[in-house]
Amino acid sequence: MLDDAGTDARDHLRHRGAQLTERIARLQETVSAVDRLMEAPATGMRLSPEEQIAIFGDDGRPS
């Protein structure tokens, strides 16, 4: 990428940085959801299967 004169390295890095920032935000949301789930028994809160899917995705991975 850096050696290719036809590639704008700054644009590529800017785009990649934006992708990483979005991923970090999603992961932070997932951490918050996990924290809420860990606190749920103490507060009596329960998540429906639909809410769990919305947080963790159909395959158990964060969406």
C-alpha atoms as a PDB file:
ATOM      1  CA  MET A   1       0.000   0.000   0.000  1.00  0.00           C
ATOM      2  CA  LEU A   2       2.661   2.531   0.996  1.00  0.00           C
ATOM      3  CA  ASP A   3       4.853   1.688  -2.000  1.00  0.00           C
ATOM      4  CA  ASP A   4       1.989   1.900  -4.523  1.00  0.00           C
ATOM      5  CA  ALA A   5       1.936   5.376  -6.066  1.00  0.00           C
ATOM      6  CA  GLY A   6      -1.723   4.873  -7.070  1.00  0.00           C
ATOM      7  CA  THR A   7      -2.806   4.365  -3.485  1.00  0.00           C
ATOM      8  CA  ASP A   8      -3.532   7.299  -1.241  1.00  0.00           C
ATOM      9  CA  ALA A   9      -2.147   6.017   2.044  1.00  0.00           C
ATOM     10  CA  ARG A  10      -3.736   8.788   4.098  1.00  0.00           C
ATOM     11  CA  ASP A  11      -7.213   8.050   2.742  1.00  0.00           C
ATOM     12  CA  HIS A  12      -6.710   4.349   3.373  1.00  0.00           C
ATOM     13  CA  LEU A  13      -5.493   4.950   6.920  1.00  0.00           C
ATOM     14  CA  ARG A  14      -8.310   7.410   7.599  1.00  0.00           C
ATOM     15  CA  HIS A  15     -10.845   4.823   6.409  1.00  0.00           C
ATOM     16  CA  ARG A  16      -9.208   2.067   8.461  1.00  0.00           C
ATOM     17  CA  GLY A  17      -9.147   4.327  11.518  1.00  0.00           C
ATOM     18  CA  ALA A  18     -12.871   4.997  11.128  1.00  0.00           C
ATOM     19  CA  GLN A  19     -13.548   1.256  10.870  1.00  0.00           C
ATOM     20  CA  LEU A  20     -11.566   0.602  14.036  1.00  0.00           C
ATOM     21  CA  THR A  21     -13.344   3.403  15.895  1.00  0.00           C
ATOM     22  CA  GLU A  22     -16.711   1.873  14.953  1.00  0.00           C
ATOM     23  CA  ARG A  23     -15.559  -1.563  16.079  1.00  0.00           C
ATOM     24  CA  ILE A  24     -14.331  -0.174  19.400  1.00  0.00           C
ATOM     25  CA  ALA A  25     -17.712   1.482  19.964  1.00  0.00           C
ATOM     26  CA  ARG A  26     -19.529  -1.816  19.279  1.00  0.00           C
ATOM     27  CA  LEU A  27     -17.196  -3.668  21.634  1.00  0.00           C
ATOM     28  CA  GLN A  28     -17.736  -1.056  24.351  1.00  0.00           C
ATOM     29  CA  GLU A  29     -21.498  -1.544  23.956  1.00  0.00           C
ATOM     30  CA  THR A  30     -21.005  -5.295  24.297  1.00  0.00           C
ATOM     31  CA  VAL A  31     -18.946  -4.865  27.465  1.00  0.00           C
ATOM     32  CA  SER A  32     -21.711  -2.683  28.911  1.00  0.00           C
ATOM     33  CA  ALA A  33     -24.297  -5.325  28.010  1.00  0.00           C
ATOM     34  CA  VAL A  34     -22.228  -8.046  29.673  1.00  0.00           C
ATOM     35  CA  ASP A  35     -21.873  -5.881  32.775  1.00  0.00           C
ATOM     36  CA  ARG A  36     -25.669  -5.434  32.866  1.00  0.00           C
ATOM     37  CA  LEU A  37     -26.158  -9.187  32.510  1.00  0.00           C
ATOM     38  CA  MET A  38     -23.771  -9.862  35.386  1.00  0.00           C
ATOM     39  CA  GLU A  39     -25.669  -7.384  37.577  1.00  0.00           C
ATOM     40  CA  ALA A  40     -29.079  -8.716  36.525  1.00  0.00           C
ATOM     41  CA  PRO A  41     -29.450 -11.408  39.207  1.00  0.00           C
ATOM     42  CA  ALA A  42     -28.888  -8.861  41.966  1.00  0.00           C
ATOM     43  CA  THR A  43     -31.486  -6.488  40.554  1.00  0.00           C
ATOM     44  CA  GLY A  44     -33.979  -9.106  39.374  1.00  0.00           C
ATOM     45  CA  MET A  45     -33.634  -7.924  35.776  1.00  0.00           C
ATOM     46  CA  ARG A  46     -34.049 -10.519  33.059  1.00  0.00           C
ATOM     47  CA  LEU A  47     -33.463 -10.149  29.334  1.00  0.00           C
ATOM     48  CA  SER A  48     -35.823 -11.761  26.887  1.00  0.00           C
ATOM     49  CA  PRO A  49     -34.351 -14.030  24.202  1.00  0.00           C
ATOM     50  CA  GLU A  50     -34.983 -11.222  21.699  1.00  0.00           C
ATOM     51  CA  GLU A  51     -33.023  -8.752  23.808  1.00  0.00           C
ATOM     52  CA  GLN A  52     -30.178 -11.236  24.182  1.00  0.00           C
ATOM     53  CA  ILE A  53     -30.078 -11.721  20.381  1.00  0.00           C
ATOM     54  CA  ALA A  54     -30.080  -7.944  19.877  1.00  0.00           C
ATOM     55  CA  ILE A  55     -27.046  -7.666  22.170  1.00  0.00           C
ATOM     56  CA  PHE A  56     -25.106 -10.813  21.261  1.00  0.00           C
ATOM     57  CA  GLY A  57     -26.380 -11.674  17.780  1.00  0.00           C
ATOM     58  CA  ASP A  58     -27.880 -14.935  16.567  1.00  0.00           C
ATOM     59  CA  ASP A  59     -24.614 -16.803  16.964  1.00  0.00           C
ATOM     60  CA  GLY A  60     -23.654 -15.409  20.346  1.00  0.00           C
ATOM     61  CA  ARG A  61     -21.201 -12.929  18.874  1.00  0.00           C
ATOM     62  CA  PRO A  62     -21.685  -9.204  19.284  1.00  0.00           C
ATOM     63  CA  SER A  63     -23.342  -7.629  16.292  1.00  0.00           C
END
